[in-house]
PDB file of all heavy atoms in Angstrom:
ATOM      1  N   SER A   1     113.523 102.997  62.280  1.00  0.00           N
ATOM      2  CA  SER A   1     113.189 101.807  63.083  1.00  0.00           C
ATOM      3  C   SER A   1     114.366 100.842  63.153  1.00  0.00           C
ATOM      4  O   SER A   1     114.635 100.249  64.206  1.00  0.00           O
ATOM      5  CB  SER A   1     111.971 101.104  62.491  1.00  0.00           C
ATOM      6  OG  SER A   1     110.826 101.924  62.539  1.00  0.00           O
ATOM      7  N   TYR A   2     115.066 100.672  62.028  1.00  0.00           N
ATOM      8  CA  TYR A   2     116.252  99.808  62.030  1.00  0.00           C
ATOM      9  C   TYR A   2     117.305 100.338  63.005  1.00  0.00           C
ATOM     10  O   TYR A   2     117.909  99.578  63.775  1.00  0.00           O
ATOM     11  CB  TYR A   2     116.853  99.725  60.624  1.00  0.00           C
ATOM     12  CG  TYR A   2     116.056  98.914  59.635  1.00  0.00           C
ATOM     13  CD1 TYR A   2     116.175  99.138  58.262  1.00  0.00           C
ATOM     14  CD2 TYR A   2     115.176  97.921  60.052  1.00  0.00           C
ATOM     15  CE1 TYR A   2     115.463  98.390  57.335  1.00  0.00           C
ATOM     16  CE2 TYR A   2     114.444  97.169  59.136  1.00  0.00           C
ATOM     17  CZ  TYR A   2     114.591  97.412  57.777  1.00  0.00           C
ATOM     18  OH  TYR A   2     113.885  96.672  56.869  1.00  0.00           O
ATOM     19  N   LEU A   3     117.534 101.641  62.964  1.00  0.00           N
ATOM     20  CA  LEU A   3     118.538 102.235  63.847  1.00  0.00           C
ATOM     21  C   LEU A   3     118.114 102.113  65.309  1.00  0.00           C
ATOM     22  O   LEU A   3     118.936 101.788  66.181  1.00  0.00           O
ATOM     23  CB  LEU A   3     118.746 103.704  63.480  1.00  0.00           C
ATOM     24  CG  LEU A   3     119.779 104.458  64.327  1.00  0.00           C
ATOM     25  CD1 LEU A   3     121.161 103.827  64.199  1.00  0.00           C
ATOM     26  CD2 LEU A   3     119.822 105.931  63.922  1.00  0.00           C
ATOM     27  N   LEU A   4     116.843 102.364  65.584  1.00  0.00           N
ATOM     28  CA  LEU A   4     116.344 102.262  66.956  1.00  0.00           C
ATOM     29  C   LEU A   4     116.491 100.845  67.489  1.00  0.00           C
ATOM     30  O   LEU A   4     116.871 100.637  68.651  1.00  0.00           O
ATOM     31  CB  LEU A   4     114.880 102.704  67.007  1.00  0.00           C
ATOM     32  CG  LEU A   4     114.195 102.629  68.376  1.00  0.00           C
ATOM     33  CD1 LEU A   4     114.908 103.523  69.388  1.00  0.00           C
ATOM     34  CD2 LEU A   4     112.719 103.030  68.263  1.00  0.00           C
ATOM     35  N   MET A   5     116.203  99.845  66.646  1.00  0.00           N
ATOM     36  CA  MET A   5     116.346  98.457  67.078  1.00  0.00           C
ATOM     37  C   MET A   5     117.809  98.122  67.364  1.00  0.00           C
ATOM     38  O   MET A   5     118.121  97.453  68.363  1.00  0.00           O
ATOM     39  CB  MET A   5     115.794  97.514  66.009  1.00  0.00           C
ATOM     40  CG  MET A   5     115.903  96.040  66.370  1.00  0.00           C
ATOM     41  SD  MET A   5     114.837  95.566  67.755  1.00  0.00           S
ATOM     42  CE  MET A   5     113.285  95.289  66.882  1.00  0.00           C
ATOM     43  N   ALA A   6     118.700  98.570  66.499  1.00  0.00           N
ATOM     44  CA  ALA A   6     120.121  98.285  66.690  1.00  0.00           C
ATOM     45  C   ALA A   6     120.638  98.886  68.000  1.00  0.00           C
ATOM     46  O   ALA A   6     121.308  98.200  68.794  1.00  0.00           O
ATOM     47  CB  ALA A   6     120.922  98.826  65.507  1.00  0.00           C
ATOM     48  N   VAL A   7     120.317 100.148  68.255  1.00  0.00           N
ATOM     49  CA  VAL A   7     120.809 100.831  69.448  1.00  0.00           C
ATOM     50  C   VAL A   7     120.152 100.275  70.711  1.00  0.00           C
ATOM     51  O   VAL A   7     120.834  99.990  71.709  1.00  0.00           O
ATOM     52  CB  VAL A   7     120.568 102.347  69.332  1.00  0.00           C
ATOM     53  CG1 VAL A   7     120.935 103.048  70.639  1.00  0.00           C
ATOM     54  CG2 VAL A   7     121.367 102.925  68.172  1.00  0.00           C
ATOM     55  N   SER A   8     118.834 100.092  70.674  1.00  0.00           N
ATOM     56  CA  SER A   8     118.130  99.585  71.855  1.00  0.00           C
ATOM     57  C   SER A   8     118.556  98.163  72.191  1.00  0.00           C
ATOM     58  O   SER A   8     118.731  97.808  73.365  1.00  0.00           O
ATOM     59  CB  SER A   8     116.615  99.631  71.616  1.00  0.00           C
ATOM     60  OG  SER A   8     116.161 100.953  71.453  1.00  0.00           O
ATOM     61  N   GLY A   9     118.730  97.330  71.166  1.00  0.00           N
ATOM     62  CA  GLY A   9     119.163  95.960  71.411  1.00  0.00           C
ATOM     63  C   GLY A   9     120.563  95.897  71.994  1.00  0.00           C
ATOM     64  O   GLY A   9     120.831  95.097  72.902  1.00  0.00           O
ATOM     65  N   THR A  10     121.455  96.758  71.494  1.00  0.00           N
ATOM     66  CA  THR A  10     122.815  96.802  72.028  1.00  0.00           C
ATOM     67  C   THR A  10     122.810  97.243  73.486  1.00  0.00           C
ATOM     68  O   THR A  10     123.504  96.658  74.334  1.00  0.00           O
ATOM     69  CB  THR A  10     123.686  97.769  71.198  1.00  0.00           C
ATOM     70  OG1 THR A  10     123.694  97.334  69.828  1.00  0.00           O
ATOM     71  CG2 THR A  10     125.106  97.803  71.729  1.00  0.00           C
ATOM     72  N   CYS A  11     122.024  98.263  73.794  1.00  0.00           N
ATOM     73  CA  CYS A  11     121.929  98.739  75.181  1.00  0.00           C
ATOM     74  C   CYS A  11     121.301  97.681  76.086  1.00  0.00           C
ATOM     75  O   CYS A  11     121.685  97.547  77.260  1.00  0.00           O
ATOM     76  CB  CYS A  11     121.118 100.029  75.237  1.00  0.00           C
ATOM     77  SG  CYS A  11     121.930 101.453  74.459  1.00  0.00           S
ATOM     78  N   THR A  12     120.345  96.929  75.569  1.00  0.00           N
ATOM     79  CA  THR A  12     119.741  95.856  76.353  1.00  0.00           C
ATOM     80  C   THR A  12     120.795  94.838  76.777  1.00  0.00           C
ATOM     81  O   THR A  12     120.807  94.361  77.915  1.00  0.00           O
ATOM     82  CB  THR A  12     118.646  95.146  75.538  1.00  0.00           C
ATOM     83  OG1 THR A  12     117.625  96.083  75.186  1.00  0.00           O
ATOM     84  CG2 THR A  12     118.013  94.016  76.332  1.00  0.00           C
ATOM     85  N   ALA A  13     121.675  94.486  75.858  1.00  0.00           N
ATOM     86  CA  ALA A  13     122.709  93.481  76.143  1.00  0.00           C
ATOM     87  C   ALA A  13     123.654  93.935  77.252  1.00  0.00           C
ATOM     88  O   ALA A  13     124.223  93.102  77.965  1.00  0.00           O
ATOM     89  CB  ALA A  13     123.499  93.180  74.873  1.00  0.00           C
ATOM     90  N   PHE A  14     123.826  95.243  77.414  1.00  0.00           N
ATOM     91  CA  PHE A  14     124.753  95.758  78.418  1.00  0.00           C
ATOM     92  C   PHE A  14     124.023  96.340  79.631  1.00  0.00           C
ATOM     93  O   PHE A  14     124.626  97.075  80.420  1.00  0.00           O
ATOM     94  CB  PHE A  14     125.666  96.816  77.796  1.00  0.00           C
ATOM     95  CG  PHE A  14     126.626  96.259  76.783  1.00  0.00           C
ATOM     96  CD1 PHE A  14     126.367  96.380  75.431  1.00  0.00           C
ATOM     97  CD2 PHE A  14     127.774  95.599  77.183  1.00  0.00           C
ATOM     98  CE1 PHE A  14     127.234  95.860  74.486  1.00  0.00           C
ATOM     99  CE2 PHE A  14     128.657  95.071  76.252  1.00  0.00           C
ATOM    100  CZ  PHE A  14     128.392  95.196  74.899  1.00  0.00           C
ATOM    101  N   SER A  15     122.756  96.015  79.804  1.00  0.00           N
ATOM    102  CA  SER A  15     121.972  96.538  80.931  1.00  0.00           C
ATOM    103  C   SER A  15     122.559  96.060  82.254  1.00  0.00           C
ATOM    104  O   SER A  15     122.909  94.886  82.407  1.00  0.00           O
ATOM    105  CB  SER A  15     120.515  96.085  80.827  1.00  0.00           C
ATOM    106  OG  SER A  15     119.917  96.577  79.651  1.00  0.00           O
ATOM    107  N   SER A  16     122.634  96.969  83.213  1.00  0.00           N
ATOM    108  CA  SER A  16     123.192  96.628  84.527  1.00  0.00           C
ATOM    109  C   SER A  16     122.120  96.341  85.565  1.00  0.00           C
ATOM    110  O   SER A  16     122.437  95.954  86.691  1.00  0.00           O
ATOM    111  CB  SER A  16     124.084  97.776  85.019  1.00  0.00           C
ATOM    112  OG  SER A  16     123.332  98.996  85.093  1.00  0.00           O
ATOM    113  N   SER A  17     120.858  96.540  85.211  1.00  0.00           N
ATOM    114  CA  SER A  17     119.760  96.275  86.147  1.00  0.00           C
ATOM    115  C   SER A  17     118.526  95.858  85.361  1.00  0.00           C
ATOM    116  O   SER A  17     118.433  96.089  84.146  1.00  0.00           O
ATOM    117  CB  SER A  17     119.445  97.520  86.984  1.00  0.00           C
ATOM    118  OG  SER A  17     118.911  98.555  86.167  1.00  0.00           O
ATOM    119  N   PHE A  18     117.574  95.270  86.066  1.00  0.00           N
ATOM    120  CA  PHE A  18     116.343  94.836  85.409  1.00  0.00           C
ATOM    121  C   PHE A  18     115.540  96.029  84.906  1.00  0.00           C
ATOM    122  O   PHE A  18     114.892  95.955  83.867  1.00  0.00           O
ATOM    123  CB  PHE A  18     115.496  94.003  86.383  1.00  0.00           C
ATOM    124  CG  PHE A  18     114.218  93.503  85.788  1.00  0.00           C
ATOM    125  CD1 PHE A  18     114.224  92.533  84.794  1.00  0.00           C
ATOM    126  CD2 PHE A  18     112.991  94.017  86.207  1.00  0.00           C
ATOM    127  CE1 PHE A  18     113.040  92.074  84.232  1.00  0.00           C
ATOM    128  CE2 PHE A  18     111.804  93.557  85.656  1.00  0.00           C
ATOM    129  CZ  PHE A  18     111.830  92.579  84.661  1.00  0.00           C
ATOM    130  N   SER A  19     115.604  97.153  85.618  1.00  0.00           N
ATOM    131  CA  SER A  19     114.874  98.353  85.194  1.00  0.00           C
ATOM    132  C   SER A  19     115.401  98.856  83.850  1.00  0.00           C
ATOM    133  O   SER A  19     114.620  99.195  82.951  1.00  0.00           O
ATOM    134  CB  SER A  19     114.997  99.450  86.246  1.00  0.00           C
ATOM    135  OG  SER A  19     114.432  99.034  87.470  1.00  0.00           O
ATOM    136  N   LEU A  20     116.734  98.902  83.703  1.00  0.00           N
ATOM    137  CA  LEU A  20     117.312  99.324  82.428  1.00  0.00           C
ATOM    138  C   LEU A  20     117.012  98.313  81.329  1.00  0.00           C
ATOM    139  O   LEU A  20     116.764  98.690  80.179  1.00  0.00           O
ATOM    140  CB  LEU A  20     118.826  99.497  82.574  1.00  0.00           C
ATOM    141  CG  LEU A  20     119.296 100.734  83.351  1.00  0.00           C
ATOM    142  CD1 LEU A  20     120.817 100.710  83.498  1.00  0.00           C
ATOM    143  CD2 LEU A  20     118.834 102.014  82.662  1.00  0.00           C
ATOM    144  N   PHE A  21     117.019  97.038  81.681  1.00  0.00           N
ATOM    145  CA  PHE A  21     116.671  95.996  80.717  1.00  0.00           C
ATOM    146  C   PHE A  21     115.278  96.248  80.149  1.00  0.00           C
ATOM    147  O   PHE A  21     115.070  96.204  78.927  1.00  0.00           O
ATOM    148  CB  PHE A  21     116.730  94.630  81.406  1.00  0.00           C
ATOM    149  CG  PHE A  21     116.225  93.488  80.576  1.00  0.00           C
ATOM    150  CD1 PHE A  21     117.052  92.838  79.679  1.00  0.00           C
ATOM    151  CD2 PHE A  21     114.906  93.058  80.694  1.00  0.00           C
ATOM    152  CE1 PHE A  21     116.586  91.778  78.906  1.00  0.00           C
ATOM    153  CE2 PHE A  21     114.425  92.006  79.931  1.00  0.00           C
ATOM    154  CZ  PHE A  21     115.267  91.361  79.032  1.00  0.00           C
ATOM    155  N   CYS A  22     114.325  96.528  81.028  1.00  0.00           N
ATOM    156  CA  CYS A  22     112.948  96.785  80.587  1.00  0.00           C
ATOM    157  C   CYS A  22     112.871  98.058  79.735  1.00  0.00           C
ATOM    158  O   CYS A  22     112.145  98.099  78.740  1.00  0.00           O
ATOM    159  CB  CYS A  22     112.020  96.910  81.794  1.00  0.00           C
ATOM    160  SG  CYS A  22     111.734  95.346  82.662  1.00  0.00           S
ATOM    161  N   LEU A  23     113.613  99.078  80.125  1.00  0.00           N
ATOM    162  CA  LEU A  23     113.594 100.343  79.379  1.00  0.00           C
ATOM    163  C   LEU A  23     114.064 100.135  77.943  1.00  0.00           C
ATOM    164  O   LEU A  23     113.414 100.587  76.988  1.00  0.00           O
ATOM    165  CB  LEU A  23     114.481 101.375  80.086  1.00  0.00           C
ATOM    166  CG  LEU A  23     114.671 102.706  79.351  1.00  0.00           C
ATOM    167  CD1 LEU A  23     113.341 103.443  79.236  1.00  0.00           C
ATOM    168  CD2 LEU A  23     115.697 103.571  80.083  1.00  0.00           C
ATOM    169  N   PHE A  24     115.165  99.444  77.776  1.00  0.00           N
ATOM    170  CA  PHE A  24     115.704  99.250  76.423  1.00  0.00           C
ATOM    171  C   PHE A  24     114.899  98.230  75.629  1.00  0.00           C
ATOM    172  O   PHE A  24     114.800  98.339  74.402  1.00  0.00           O
ATOM    173  CB  PHE A  24     117.177  98.852  76.513  1.00  0.00           C
ATOM    174  CG  PHE A  24     118.063  99.922  77.074  1.00  0.00           C
ATOM    175  CD1 PHE A  24     118.897  99.671  78.158  1.00  0.00           C
ATOM    176  CD2 PHE A  24     118.048 101.196  76.528  1.00  0.00           C
ATOM    177  CE1 PHE A  24     119.706 100.671  78.676  1.00  0.00           C
ATOM    178  CE2 PHE A  24     118.861 102.208  77.041  1.00  0.00           C
ATOM    179  CZ  PHE A  24     119.689 101.945  78.124  1.00  0.00           C
ATOM    180  N   ARG A  25     114.314  97.267  76.312  1.00  0.00           N
ATOM    181  CA  ARG A  25     113.431  96.331  75.614  1.00  0.00           C
ATOM    182  C   ARG A  25     112.177  97.055  75.117  1.00  0.00           C
ATOM    183  O   ARG A  25     111.612  96.711  74.074  1.00  0.00           O
ATOM    184  CB  ARG A  25     113.042  95.173  76.537  1.00  0.00           C
ATOM    185  CG  ARG A  25     114.112  94.142  76.709  1.00  0.00           C
ATOM    186  CD  ARG A  25     114.294  93.291  75.470  1.00  0.00           C
ATOM    187  NE  ARG A  25     113.222  92.313  75.320  1.00  0.00           N
ATOM    188  CZ  ARG A  25     112.969  91.637  74.213  1.00  0.00           C
ATOM    189  NH1 ARG A  25     113.699  91.850  73.130  1.00  0.00           N
ATOM    190  NH2 ARG A  25     111.982  90.764  74.160  1.00  0.00           N
ATOM    191  N   PHE A  26     111.729  98.048  75.869  1.00  0.00           N
ATOM    192  CA  PHE A  26     110.615  98.881  75.421  1.00  0.00           C
ATOM    193  C   PHE A  26     110.972  99.554  74.101  1.00  0.00           C
ATOM    194  O   PHE A  26     110.167  99.610  73.169  1.00  0.00           O
ATOM    195  CB  PHE A  26     110.285  99.924  76.490  1.00  0.00           C
ATOM    196  CG  PHE A  26     109.078 100.769  76.189  1.00  0.00           C
ATOM    197  CD1 PHE A  26     107.811 100.350  76.577  1.00  0.00           C
ATOM    198  CD2 PHE A  26     109.197 101.981  75.516  1.00  0.00           C
ATOM    199  CE1 PHE A  26     106.692 101.134  76.305  1.00  0.00           C
ATOM    200  CE2 PHE A  26     108.086 102.763  75.237  1.00  0.00           C
ATOM    201  CZ  PHE A  26     106.825 102.334  75.636  1.00  0.00           C
ATOM    202  N   GLY A  27     112.208 100.057  74.004  1.00  0.00           N
ATOM    203  CA  GLY A  27     112.668 100.659  72.758  1.00  0.00           C
ATOM    204  C   GLY A  27     112.708  99.651  71.621  1.00  0.00           C
ATOM    205  O   GLY A  27     112.349  99.969  70.478  1.00  0.00           O
ATOM    206  N   CYS A  28     113.125  98.424  71.911  1.00  0.00           N
ATOM    207  CA  CYS A  28     113.124  97.365  70.888  1.00  0.00           C
ATOM    208  C   CYS A  28     111.706  97.094  70.397  1.00  0.00           C
ATOM    209  O   CYS A  28     111.483  96.878  69.199  1.00  0.00           O
ATOM    210  CB  CYS A  28     113.728  96.084  71.459  1.00  0.00           C
ATOM    211  SG  CYS A  28     115.508  96.142  71.751  1.00  0.00           S
TER     212      CYS A  28
END
């Protein structure tokens, strides 16, 4: 869970669209 939060949060910060933002926030 710690690893998933770290990776998903990092990807969220670099999201290029709202759809990707939602996808990675789902992972968070």
